[in-house]
Amino acid sequence: KITKGRTNLLTCYLALLLSTFIKAGLLEKLVIAAKSGDKLISIQATILLGELLHLANKILPPEYAAQTHCLPSLIEVATSFDADQALRNQASGVVSCLERCIKNENR
């Protein structure tokens, strides 16, 4: 964001760090962890994924934030009848949780 005042170095640092994480494939790995059978890891990965997606939409330029959509693989599993039912249910739960996170942040 171009502002008339001073540049916020913390925001610049967070944007750089976030873009590095995204390029390294962190969001895709979090989707994999969120679909895992371990409930605690799944919950933590889902929360972290939601926060990172929110932060990306908030501080990254729109053309870069558009690249953060790792959700197609998650949606594919949640809607696929070829996938194991437990995995499909887990993916559906993750999608629902992310949707609730988005609704809460927009309030």
PDB file of N, CA and C in Angstrom:
ATOM      1  N   LYS A   1       0.834  -1.173   0.000  1.00  0.00           N
ATOM      2  CA  LYS A   1       0.000   0.000   0.000  1.00  0.00           C
ATOM      3  C   LYS A   1       0.878   1.236   0.000  1.00  0.00           C
ATOM      4  N   ILE A   2       0.582   2.175  -0.837  1.00  0.00           N
ATOM      5  CA  ILE A   2       1.324   3.424  -0.866  1.00  0.00           C
ATOM      6  C   ILE A   2       0.571   4.431  -0.001  1.00  0.00           C
ATOM      7  N   THR A   3       1.280   4.981   0.970  1.00  0.00           N
ATOM      8  CA  THR A   3       0.668   5.950   1.866  1.00  0.00           C
ATOM      9  C   THR A   3       1.462   7.241   1.826  1.00  0.00           C
ATOM     10  N   LYS A   4       0.837   8.294   2.335  1.00  0.00           N
ATOM     11  CA  LYS A   4       1.509   9.588   2.376  1.00  0.00           C
ATOM     12  C   LYS A   4       2.440   9.685   3.575  1.00  0.00           C
ATOM     13  N   GLY A   5       2.194   8.887   4.598  1.00  0.00           N
ATOM     14  CA  GLY A   5       3.002   8.930   5.809  1.00  0.00           C
ATOM     15  C   GLY A   5       4.202   8.005   5.718  1.00  0.00           C
ATOM     16  N   ARG A   6       4.711   7.679   6.868  1.00  0.00           N
ATOM     17  CA  ARG A   6       5.868   6.786   6.948  1.00  0.00           C
ATOM     18  C   ARG A   6       5.470   5.351   6.646  1.00  0.00           C
ATOM     19  N   THR A   7       6.399   4.611   6.112  1.00  0.00           N
ATOM     20  CA  THR A   7       6.172   3.208   5.808  1.00  0.00           C
ATOM     21  C   THR A   7       6.227   2.409   7.105  1.00  0.00           C
ATOM     22  N   ASN A   8       5.265   1.514   7.277  1.00  0.00           N
ATOM     23  CA  ASN A   8       5.234   0.662   8.448  1.00  0.00           C
ATOM     24  C   ASN A   8       6.146  -0.538   8.178  1.00  0.00           C
ATOM     25  N   LEU A   9       7.302  -0.554   8.830  1.00  0.00           N
ATOM     26  CA  LEU A   9       8.280  -1.615   8.586  1.00  0.00           C
ATOM     27  C   LEU A   9       7.773  -2.979   9.036  1.00  0.00           C
ATOM     28  N   LEU A  10       6.977  -3.012  10.071  1.00  0.00           N
ATOM     29  CA  LEU A  10       6.440  -4.291  10.535  1.00  0.00           C
ATOM     30  C   LEU A  10       5.518  -4.903   9.478  1.00  0.00           C
ATOM     31  N   THR A  11       4.679  -4.084   8.866  1.00  0.00           N
ATOM     32  CA  THR A  11       3.792  -4.578   7.809  1.00  0.00           C
ATOM     33  C   THR A  11       4.604  -5.056   6.612  1.00  0.00           C
ATOM     34  N   CYS A  12       5.647  -4.314   6.262  1.00  0.00           N
ATOM     35  CA  CYS A  12       6.520  -4.730   5.147  1.00  0.00           C
ATOM     36  C   CYS A  12       7.197  -6.056   5.465  1.00  0.00           C
ATOM     37  N   TYR A  13       7.674  -6.203   6.698  1.00  0.00           N
ATOM     38  CA  TYR A  13       8.323  -7.442   7.108  1.00  0.00           C
ATOM     39  C   TYR A  13       7.337  -8.608   7.056  1.00  0.00           C
ATOM     40  N   LEU A  14       6.126  -8.390   7.573  1.00  0.00           N
ATOM     41  CA  LEU A  14       5.112  -9.447   7.549  1.00  0.00           C
ATOM     42  C   LEU A  14       4.746  -9.831   6.124  1.00  0.00           C
ATOM     43  N   ALA A  15       4.636  -8.848   5.233  1.00  0.00           N
ATOM     44  CA  ALA A  15       4.310  -9.131   3.836  1.00  0.00           C
ATOM     45  C   ALA A  15       5.423  -9.951   3.183  1.00  0.00           C
ATOM     46  N   LEU A  16       6.662  -9.590   3.446  1.00  0.00           N
ATOM     47  CA  LEU A  16       7.793 -10.334   2.892  1.00  0.00           C
ATOM     48  C   LEU A  16       7.823 -11.763   3.427  1.00  0.00           C
ATOM     49  N   LEU A  17       7.651 -11.898   4.725  1.00  0.00           N
ATOM     50  CA  LEU A  17       7.656 -13.217   5.352  1.00  0.00           C
ATOM     51  C   LEU A  17       6.505 -14.074   4.841  1.00  0.00           C
ATOM     52  N   LEU A  18       5.328 -13.483   4.744  1.00  0.00           N
ATOM     53  CA  LEU A  18       4.155 -14.212   4.259  1.00  0.00           C
ATOM     54  C   LEU A  18       4.325 -14.639   2.807  1.00  0.00           C
ATOM     55  N   SER A  19       4.833 -13.757   1.974  1.00  0.00           N
ATOM     56  CA  SER A  19       5.025 -14.125   0.567  1.00  0.00           C
ATOM     57  C   SER A  19       6.067 -15.231   0.432  1.00  0.00           C
ATOM     58  N   THR A  20       7.080 -15.214   1.283  1.00  0.00           N
ATOM     59  CA  THR A  20       8.084 -16.286   1.272  1.00  0.00           C
ATOM     60  C   THR A  20       7.458 -17.615   1.679  1.00  0.00           C
ATOM     61  N   PHE A  21       6.640 -17.595   2.721  1.00  0.00           N
ATOM     62  CA  PHE A  21       5.948 -18.812   3.156  1.00  0.00           C
ATOM     63  C   PHE A  21       5.042 -19.351   2.056  1.00  0.00           C
ATOM     64  N   ILE A  22       4.334 -18.450   1.379  1.00  0.00           N
ATOM     65  CA  ILE A  22       3.417 -18.875   0.317  1.00  0.00           C
ATOM     66  C   ILE A  22       4.184 -19.489  -0.837  1.00  0.00           C
ATOM     67  N   LYS A  23       5.285 -18.848  -1.239  1.00  0.00           N
ATOM     68  CA  LYS A  23       6.088 -19.397  -2.337  1.00  0.00           C
ATOM     69  C   LYS A  23       6.706 -20.741  -1.976  1.00  0.00           C
ATOM     70  N   ALA A  24       6.975 -20.950  -0.689  1.00  0.00           N
ATOM     71  CA  ALA A  24       7.559 -22.213  -0.239  1.00  0.00           C
ATOM     72  C   ALA A  24       6.516 -23.328  -0.129  1.00  0.00           C
ATOM     73  N   GLY A  25       5.232 -22.988  -0.313  1.00  0.00           N
ATOM     74  CA  GLY A  25       4.184 -24.010  -0.291  1.00  0.00           C
ATOM     75  C   GLY A  25       3.563 -24.261   1.067  1.00  0.00           C
ATOM     76  N   LEU A  26       3.707 -23.307   1.994  1.00  0.00           N
ATOM     77  CA  LEU A  26       3.176 -23.506   3.340  1.00  0.00           C
ATOM     78  C   LEU A  26       1.659 -23.698   3.348  1.00  0.00           C
ATOM     79  N   LEU A  27       0.938 -22.925   2.545  1.00  0.00           N
ATOM     80  CA  LEU A  27      -0.523 -23.034   2.566  1.00  0.00           C
ATOM     81  C   LEU A  27      -0.990 -24.415   2.122  1.00  0.00           C
ATOM     82  N   GLU A  28      -0.349 -24.952   1.083  1.00  0.00           N
ATOM     83  CA  GLU A  28      -0.712 -26.291   0.620  1.00  0.00           C
ATOM     84  C   GLU A  28      -0.409 -27.344   1.683  1.00  0.00           C
ATOM     85  N   LYS A  29       0.707 -27.171   2.384  1.00  0.00           N
ATOM     86  CA  LYS A  29       1.061 -28.121   3.449  1.00  0.00           C
ATOM     87  C   LYS A  29       0.094 -28.016   4.616  1.00  0.00           C
ATOM     88  N   LEU A  30      -0.385 -26.806   4.898  1.00  0.00           N
ATOM     89  CA  LEU A  30      -1.380 -26.646   5.961  1.00  0.00           C
ATOM     90  C   LEU A  30      -2.699 -27.317   5.587  1.00  0.00           C
ATOM     91  N   VAL A  31      -3.059 -27.280   4.310  1.00  0.00           N
ATOM     92  CA  VAL A  31      -4.268 -27.982   3.854  1.00  0.00           C
ATOM     93  C   VAL A  31      -4.101 -29.477   4.097  1.00  0.00           C
ATOM     94  N   ILE A  32      -2.926 -30.007   3.790  1.00  0.00           N
ATOM     95  CA  ILE A  32      -2.658 -31.432   4.015  1.00  0.00           C
ATOM     96  C   ILE A  32      -2.754 -31.757   5.505  1.00  0.00           C
ATOM     97  N   ALA A  33      -2.159 -30.897   6.342  1.00  0.00           N
ATOM     98  CA  ALA A  33      -2.205 -31.119   7.789  1.00  0.00           C
ATOM     99  C   ALA A  33      -3.637 -31.003   8.310  1.00  0.00           C
ATOM    100  N   ALA A  34      -4.407 -30.075   7.755  1.00  0.00           N
ATOM    101  CA  ALA A  34      -5.793 -29.895   8.191  1.00  0.00           C
ATOM    102  C   ALA A  34      -6.651 -31.106   7.843  1.00  0.00           C
ATOM    103  N   LYS A  35      -6.298 -31.816   6.787  1.00  0.00           N
ATOM    104  CA  LYS A  35      -7.048 -33.014   6.388  1.00  0.00           C
ATOM    105  C   LYS A  35      -6.571 -34.264   7.122  1.00  0.00           C
ATOM    106  N   SER A  36      -5.559 -34.119   7.965  1.00  0.00           N
ATOM    107  CA  SER A  36      -4.988 -35.290   8.642  1.00  0.00           C
ATOM    108  C   SER A  36      -5.974 -35.857   9.660  1.00  0.00           C
ATOM    109  N   GLY A  37      -5.723 -37.067  10.067  1.00  0.00           N
ATOM    110  CA  GLY A  37      -6.593 -37.727  11.029  1.00  0.00           C
ATOM    111  C   GLY A  37      -6.408 -37.252  12.451  1.00  0.00           C
ATOM    112  N   ASP A  38      -5.292 -36.599  12.753  1.00  0.00           N
ATOM    113  CA  ASP A  38      -5.028 -36.099  14.101  1.00  0.00           C
ATOM    114  C   ASP A  38      -5.854 -34.837  14.337  1.00  0.00           C
ATOM    115  N   LYS A  39      -6.814 -34.908  15.236  1.00  0.00           N
ATOM    116  CA  LYS A  39      -7.758 -33.811  15.442  1.00  0.00           C
ATOM    117  C   LYS A  39      -7.073 -32.533  15.911  1.00  0.00           C
ATOM    118  N   LEU A  40      -6.126 -32.623  16.838  1.00  0.00           N
ATOM    119  CA  LEU A  40      -5.440 -31.430  17.352  1.00  0.00           C
ATOM    120  C   LEU A  40      -4.645 -30.731  16.257  1.00  0.00           C
ATOM    121  N   ILE A  41      -3.903 -31.508  15.481  1.00  0.00           N
ATOM    122  CA  ILE A  41      -3.128 -30.929  14.377  1.00  0.00           C
ATOM    123  C   ILE A  41      -4.060 -30.331  13.335  1.00  0.00           C
ATOM    124  N   SER A  42      -5.148 -31.010  13.054  1.00  0.00           N
ATOM    125  CA  SER A  42      -6.113 -30.518  12.074  1.00  0.00           C
ATOM    126  C   SER A  42      -6.696 -29.171  12.506  1.00  0.00           C
ATOM    127  N   ILE A  43      -7.063 -29.051  13.755  1.00  0.00           N
ATOM    128  CA  ILE A  43      -7.628 -27.799  14.273  1.00  0.00           C
ATOM    129  C   ILE A  43      -6.598 -26.678  14.206  1.00  0.00           C
ATOM    130  N   GLN A  44      -5.387 -26.957  14.658  1.00  0.00           N
ATOM    131  CA  GLN A  44      -4.342 -25.936  14.651  1.00  0.00           C
ATOM    132  C   GLN A  44      -3.990 -25.512  13.225  1.00  0.00           C
ATOM    133  N   ALA A  45      -3.909 -26.468  12.314  1.00  0.00           N
ATOM    134  CA  ALA A  45      -3.595 -26.150  10.925  1.00  0.00           C
ATOM    135  C   ALA A  45      -4.704 -25.333  10.289  1.00  0.00           C
ATOM    136  N   THR A  46      -5.952 -25.643  10.610  1.00  0.00           N
ATOM    137  CA  THR A  46      -7.085 -24.905  10.062  1.00  0.00           C
ATOM    138  C   THR A  46      -7.089 -23.462  10.553  1.00  0.00           C
ATOM    139  N   ILE A  47      -6.848 -23.273  11.833  1.00  0.00           N
ATOM    140  CA  ILE A  47      -6.803 -21.918  12.391  1.00  0.00           C
ATOM    141  C   ILE A  47      -5.661 -21.127  11.775  1.00  0.00           C
ATOM    142  N   LEU A  48      -4.491 -21.734  11.686  1.00  0.00           N
ATOM    143  CA  LEU A  48      -3.340 -21.050  11.093  1.00  0.00           C
ATOM    144  C   LEU A  48      -3.595 -20.734   9.625  1.00  0.00           C
ATOM    145  N   LEU A  49      -4.194 -21.661   8.889  1.00  0.00           N
ATOM    146  CA  LEU A  49      -4.519 -21.434   7.485  1.00  0.00           C
ATOM    147  C   LEU A  49      -5.472 -20.253   7.334  1.00  0.00           C
ATOM    148  N   GLY A  50      -6.498 -20.215   8.156  1.00  0.00           N
ATOM    149  CA  GLY A  50      -7.453 -19.109   8.114  1.00  0.00           C
ATOM    150  C   GLY A  50      -6.797 -17.768   8.403  1.00  0.00           C
ATOM    151  N   GLU A  51      -5.933 -17.746   9.407  1.00  0.00           N
ATOM    152  CA  GLU A  51      -5.248 -16.499   9.759  1.00  0.00           C
ATOM    153  C   GLU A  51      -4.302 -16.046   8.653  1.00  0.00           C
ATOM    154  N   LEU A  52      -3.578 -16.992   8.062  1.00  0.00           N
ATOM    155  CA  LEU A  52      -2.647 -16.626   6.985  1.00  0.00           C
ATOM    156  C   LEU A  52      -3.383 -16.143   5.744  1.00  0.00           C
ATOM    157  N   LEU A  53      -4.505 -16.776   5.406  1.00  0.00           N
ATOM    158  CA  LEU A  53      -5.297 -16.320   4.261  1.00  0.00           C
ATOM    159  C   LEU A  53      -5.858 -14.920   4.508  1.00  0.00           C
ATOM    160  N   HIS A  54      -6.314 -14.676   5.725  1.00  0.00           N
ATOM    161  CA  HIS A  54      -6.820 -13.348   6.073  1.00  0.00           C
ATOM    162  C   HIS A  54      -5.707 -12.301   5.988  1.00  0.00           C
ATOM    163  N   LEU A  55      -4.559 -12.637   6.544  1.00  0.00           N
ATOM    164  CA  LEU A  55      -3.419 -11.714   6.508  1.00  0.00           C
ATOM    165  C   LEU A  55      -2.971 -11.450   5.077  1.00  0.00           C
ATOM    166  N   ALA A  56      -2.967 -12.487   4.248  1.00  0.00           N
ATOM    167  CA  ALA A  56      -2.567 -12.321   2.850  1.00  0.00           C
ATOM    168  C   ALA A  56      -3.515 -11.370   2.125  1.00  0.00           C
ATOM    169  N   ASN A  57      -4.810 -11.517   2.362  1.00  0.00           N
ATOM    170  CA  ASN A  57      -5.773 -10.629   1.722  1.00  0.00           C
ATOM    171  C   ASN A  57      -5.695  -9.204   2.255  1.00  0.00           C
ATOM    172  N   LYS A  58      -5.177  -9.069   3.465  1.00  0.00           N
ATOM    173  CA  LYS A  58      -5.098  -7.752   4.093  1.00  0.00           C
ATOM    174  C   LYS A  58      -3.833  -6.984   3.692  1.00  0.00           C
ATOM    175  N   ILE A  59      -2.668  -7.664   3.627  1.00  0.00           N
ATOM    176  CA  ILE A  59      -1.417  -6.915   3.453  1.00  0.00           C
ATOM    177  C   ILE A  59      -0.702  -7.150   2.124  1.00  0.00           C
ATOM    178  N   LEU A  60      -1.069  -8.197   1.397  1.00  0.00           N
ATOM    179  CA  LEU A  60      -0.402  -8.437   0.116  1.00  0.00           C
ATOM    180  C   LEU A  60      -1.151  -7.732  -1.007  1.00  0.00           C
ATOM    181  N   PRO A  61      -0.439  -7.351  -2.067  1.00  0.00           N
ATOM    182  CA  PRO A  61      -1.127  -6.756  -3.210  1.00  0.00           C
ATOM    183  C   PRO A  61      -2.142  -7.736  -3.788  1.00  0.00           C
ATOM    184  N   PRO A  62      -3.236  -7.220  -4.355  1.00  0.00           N
ATOM    185  CA  PRO A  62      -4.297  -8.108  -4.862  1.00  0.00           C
ATOM    186  C   PRO A  62      -3.809  -9.156  -5.854  1.00  0.00           C
ATOM    187  N   GLU A  63      -2.898  -8.778  -6.750  1.00  0.00           N
ATOM    188  CA  GLU A  63      -2.433  -9.752  -7.741  1.00  0.00           C
ATOM    189  C   GLU A  63      -1.631 -10.878  -7.093  1.00  0.00           C
ATOM    190  N   TYR A  64      -1.000 -10.614  -5.956  1.00  0.00           N
ATOM    191  CA  TYR A  64      -0.258 -11.656  -5.263  1.00  0.00           C
ATOM    192  C   TYR A  64      -1.185 -12.455  -4.355  1.00  0.00           C
ATOM    193  N   ALA A  65      -2.102 -11.773  -3.703  1.00  0.00           N
ATOM    194  CA  ALA A  65      -3.042 -12.462  -2.814  1.00  0.00           C
ATOM    195  C   ALA A  65      -3.903 -13.451  -3.584  1.00  0.00           C
ATOM    196  N   ALA A  66      -4.138 -13.178  -4.863  1.00  0.00           N
ATOM    197  CA  ALA A  66      -4.934 -14.091  -5.689  1.00  0.00           C
ATOM    198  C   ALA A  66      -4.237 -15.440  -5.859  1.00  0.00           C
ATOM    199  N   GLN A  67      -2.921 -15.481  -5.695  1.00  0.00           N
ATOM    200  CA  GLN A  67      -2.164 -16.725  -5.835  1.00  0.00           C
ATOM    201  C   GLN A  67      -2.238 -17.591  -4.585  1.00  0.00           C
ATOM    202  N   THR A  68      -2.840 -17.083  -3.518  1.00  0.00           N
ATOM    203  CA  THR A  68      -2.858 -17.810  -2.248  1.00  0.00           C
ATOM    204  C   THR A  68      -3.969 -18.829  -2.160  1.00  0.00           C
ATOM    205  N   HIS A  69      -4.767 -18.955  -3.189  1.00  0.00           N
ATOM    206  CA  HIS A  69      -5.909 -19.853  -3.098  1.00  0.00           C
ATOM    207  C   HIS A  69      -5.477 -21.309  -3.222  1.00  0.00           C
ATOM    208  N   CYS A  70      -5.263 -21.911  -2.054  1.00  0.00           N
ATOM    209  CA  CYS A  70      -4.880 -23.317  -1.975  1.00  0.00           C
ATOM    210  C   CYS A  70      -6.111 -24.177  -1.729  1.00  0.00           C
ATOM    211  N   LEU A  71      -7.252 -23.543  -1.685  1.00  0.00           N
ATOM    212  CA  LEU A  71      -8.458 -24.257  -1.310  1.00  0.00           C
ATOM    213  C   LEU A  71      -9.038 -25.192  -2.364  1.00  0.00           C
ATOM    214  N   PRO A  72      -8.719 -25.052  -3.657  1.00  0.00           N
ATOM    215  CA  PRO A  72      -9.303 -25.996  -4.611  1.00  0.00           C
ATOM    216  C   PRO A  72      -9.044 -27.460  -4.272  1.00  0.00           C
ATOM    217  N   SER A  73      -7.849 -27.777  -3.790  1.00  0.00           N
ATOM    218  CA  SER A  73      -7.569 -29.175  -3.432  1.00  0.00           C
ATOM    219  C   SER A  73      -8.406 -29.608  -2.235  1.00  0.00           C
ATOM    220  N   LEU A  74      -8.644 -28.685  -1.316  1.00  0.00           N
ATOM    221  CA  LEU A  74      -9.468 -28.980  -0.152  1.00  0.00           C
ATOM    222  C   LEU A  74     -10.928 -29.170  -0.551  1.00  0.00           C
ATOM    223  N   ILE A  75     -11.436 -28.283  -1.392  1.00  0.00           N
ATOM    224  CA  ILE A  75     -12.821 -28.377  -1.872  1.00  0.00           C
ATOM    225  C   ILE A  75     -13.014 -29.661  -2.675  1.00  0.00           C
ATOM    226  N   GLU A  76     -12.006 -30.008  -3.465  1.00  0.00           N
ATOM    227  CA  GLU A  76     -12.092 -31.233  -4.278  1.00  0.00           C
ATOM    228  C   GLU A  76     -12.291 -32.464  -3.403  1.00  0.00           C
ATOM    229  N   VAL A  77     -11.527 -32.551  -2.319  1.00  0.00           N
ATOM    230  CA  VAL A  77     -11.664 -33.699  -1.420  1.00  0.00           C
ATOM    231  C   VAL A  77     -13.002 -33.648  -0.691  1.00  0.00           C
ATOM    232  N   ALA A  78     -13.426 -32.452  -0.277  1.00  0.00           N
ATOM    233  CA  ALA A  78     -14.677 -32.312   0.475  1.00  0.00           C
ATOM    234  C   ALA A  78     -15.898 -32.689  -0.364  1.00  0.00           C
ATOM    235  N   THR A  79     -15.791 -32.538  -1.679  1.00  0.00           N
ATOM    236  CA  THR A  79     -16.944 -32.814  -2.541  1.00  0.00           C
ATOM    237  C   THR A  79     -16.823 -34.102  -3.350  1.00  0.00           C
ATOM    238  N   SER A  80     -15.722 -34.798  -3.213  1.00  0.00           N
ATOM    239  CA  SER A  80     -15.487 -36.006  -4.007  1.00  0.00           C
ATOM    240  C   SER A  80     -16.082 -37.231  -3.317  1.00  0.00           C
ATOM    241  N   PHE A  81     -16.914 -37.942  -4.034  1.00  0.00           N
ATOM    242  CA  PHE A  81     -17.460 -39.187  -3.500  1.00  0.00           C
ATOM    243  C   PHE A  81     -16.497 -40.349  -3.717  1.00  0.00           C
ATOM    244  N   ASP A  82     -15.400 -40.093  -4.441  1.00  0.00           N
ATOM    245  CA  ASP A  82     -14.374 -41.118  -4.621  1.00  0.00           C
ATOM    246  C   ASP A  82     -13.437 -41.184  -3.419  1.00  0.00           C
ATOM    247  N   ALA A  83     -13.384 -40.102  -2.646  1.00  0.00           N
ATOM    248  CA  ALA A  83     -12.495 -40.050  -1.480  1.00  0.00           C
ATOM    249  C   ALA A  83     -13.099 -40.850  -0.333  1.00  0.00           C
ATOM    250  N   ASP A  84     -12.240 -41.282   0.565  1.00  0.00           N
ATOM    251  CA  ASP A  84     -12.674 -41.969   1.776  1.00  0.00           C
ATOM    252  C   ASP A  84     -13.632 -41.056   2.545  1.00  0.00           C
ATOM    253  N   GLN A  85     -14.698 -41.611   3.104  1.00  0.00           N
ATOM    254  CA  GLN A  85     -15.708 -40.796   3.770  1.00  0.00           C
ATOM    255  C   GLN A  85     -15.130 -40.034   4.963  1.00  0.00           C
ATOM    256  N   ALA A  86     -14.248 -40.644   5.715  1.00  0.00           N
ATOM    257  CA  ALA A  86     -13.646 -39.953   6.857  1.00  0.00           C
ATOM    258  C   ALA A  86     -12.832 -38.744   6.382  1.00  0.00           C
ATOM    259  N   LEU A  87     -12.074 -38.918   5.308  1.00  0.00           N
ATOM    260  CA  LEU A  87     -11.282 -37.818   4.748  1.00  0.00           C
ATOM    261  C   LEU A  87     -12.201 -36.737   4.190  1.00  0.00           C
ATOM    262  N   ARG A  88     -13.267 -37.146   3.525  1.00  0.00           N
ATOM    263  CA  ARG A  88     -14.230 -36.176   2.976  1.00  0.00           C
ATOM    264  C   ARG A  88     -14.883 -35.390   4.103  1.00  0.00           C
ATOM    265  N   ASN A  89     -15.259 -36.061   5.186  1.00  0.00           N
ATOM    266  CA  ASN A  89     -15.857 -35.372   6.331  1.00  0.00           C
ATOM    267  C   ASN A  89     -14.868 -34.410   6.980  1.00  0.00           C
ATOM    268  N   GLN A  90     -13.618 -34.826   7.092  1.00  0.00           N
ATOM    269  CA  GLN A  90     -12.584 -33.966   7.673  1.00  0.00           C
ATOM    270  C   GLN A  90     -12.394 -32.721   6.815  1.00  0.00           C
ATOM    271  N   ALA A  91     -12.311 -32.900   5.499  1.00  0.00           N
ATOM    272  CA  ALA A  91     -12.141 -31.760   4.584  1.00  0.00           C
ATOM    273  C   ALA A  91     -13.349 -30.837   4.644  1.00  0.00           C
ATOM    274  N   SER A  92     -14.545 -31.388   4.737  1.00  0.00           N
ATOM    275  CA  SER A  92     -15.754 -30.570   4.846  1.00  0.00           C
ATOM    276  C   SER A  92     -15.747 -29.759   6.140  1.00  0.00           C
ATOM    277  N   GLY A  93     -15.273 -30.371   7.213  1.00  0.00           N
ATOM    278  CA  GLY A  93     -15.162 -29.662   8.488  1.00  0.00           C
ATOM    279  C   GLY A  93     -14.187 -28.511   8.417  1.00  0.00           C
ATOM    280  N   VAL A  94     -13.081 -28.724   7.722  1.00  0.00           N
ATOM    281  CA  VAL A  94     -12.085 -27.661   7.558  1.00  0.00           C
ATOM    282  C   VAL A  94     -12.680 -26.505   6.760  1.00  0.00           C
ATOM    283  N   VAL A  95     -13.386 -26.816   5.679  1.00  0.00           N
ATOM    284  CA  VAL A  95     -14.019 -25.775   4.859  1.00  0.00           C
ATOM    285  C   VAL A  95     -15.024 -24.984   5.702  1.00  0.00           C
ATOM    286  N   SER A  96     -15.825 -25.676   6.490  1.00  0.00           N
ATOM    287  CA  SER A  96     -16.813 -25.008   7.345  1.00  0.00           C
ATOM    288  C   SER A  96     -16.144 -24.107   8.364  1.00  0.00           C
ATOM    289  N   CYS A  97     -15.069 -24.581   8.953  1.00  0.00           N
ATOM    290  CA  CYS A  97     -14.340 -23.789   9.946  1.00  0.00           C
ATOM    291  C   CYS A  97     -13.738 -22.537   9.308  1.00  0.00           C
ATOM    292  N   LEU A  98     -13.159 -22.688   8.134  1.00  0.00           N
ATOM    293  CA  LEU A  98     -12.596 -21.522   7.435  1.00  0.00           C
ATOM    294  C   LEU A  98     -13.692 -20.516   7.094  1.00  0.00           C
ATOM    295  N   GLU A  99     -14.858 -21.022   6.707  1.00  0.00           N
ATOM    296  CA  GLU A  99     -15.976 -20.126   6.395  1.00  0.00           C
ATOM    297  C   GLU A  99     -16.400 -19.338   7.632  1.00  0.00           C
ATOM    298  N   ARG A 100     -16.455 -20.016   8.792  1.00  0.00           N
ATOM    299  CA  ARG A 100     -16.801 -19.317  10.023  1.00  0.00           C
ATOM    300  C   ARG A 100     -15.760 -18.275  10.400  1.00  0.00           C
ATOM    301  N   CYS A 101     -14.475 -18.606  10.175  1.00  0.00           N
ATOM    302  CA  CYS A 101     -13.399 -17.653  10.474  1.00  0.00           C
ATOM    303  C   CYS A 101     -13.559 -16.401   9.613  1.00  0.00           C
ATOM    304  N   ILE A 102     -13.882 -16.583   8.354  1.00  0.00           N
ATOM    305  CA  ILE A 102     -14.048 -15.452   7.432  1.00  0.00           C
ATOM    306  C   ILE A 102     -15.239 -14.592   7.872  1.00  0.00           C
ATOM    307  N   LYS A 103     -16.326 -15.227   8.250  1.00  0.00           N
ATOM    308  CA  LYS A 103     -17.506 -14.478   8.702  1.00  0.00           C
ATOM    309  C   LYS A 103     -17.203 -13.690   9.975  1.00  0.00           C
ATOM    310  N   ASN A 104     -16.453 -14.298  10.901  1.00  0.00           N
ATOM    311  CA  ASN A 104     -16.104 -13.612  12.143  1.00  0.00           C
ATOM    312  C   ASN A 104     -15.183 -12.434  11.906  1.00  0.00           C
ATOM    313  N   GLU A 105     -14.259 -12.554  10.960  1.00  0.00           N
ATOM    314  CA  GLU A 105     -13.317 -11.465  10.694  1.00  0.00           C
ATOM    315  C   GLU A 105     -13.982 -10.321   9.950  1.00  0.00           C
ATOM    316  N   ASN A 106     -15.061 -10.594   9.235  1.00  0.00           N
ATOM    317  CA  ASN A 106     -15.759  -9.545   8.489  1.00  0.00           C
ATOM    318  C   ASN A 106     -16.738  -8.763   9.357  1.00  0.00           C
ATOM    319  N   ARG A 107     -16.901  -9.160  10.601  1.00  0.00           N
ATOM    320  CA  ARG A 107     -17.828  -8.460  11.514  1.00  0.00           C
ATOM    321  C   ARG A 107     -17.200  -7.194  12.030  1.00  0.00           C
TER     322      ARG A 107
END
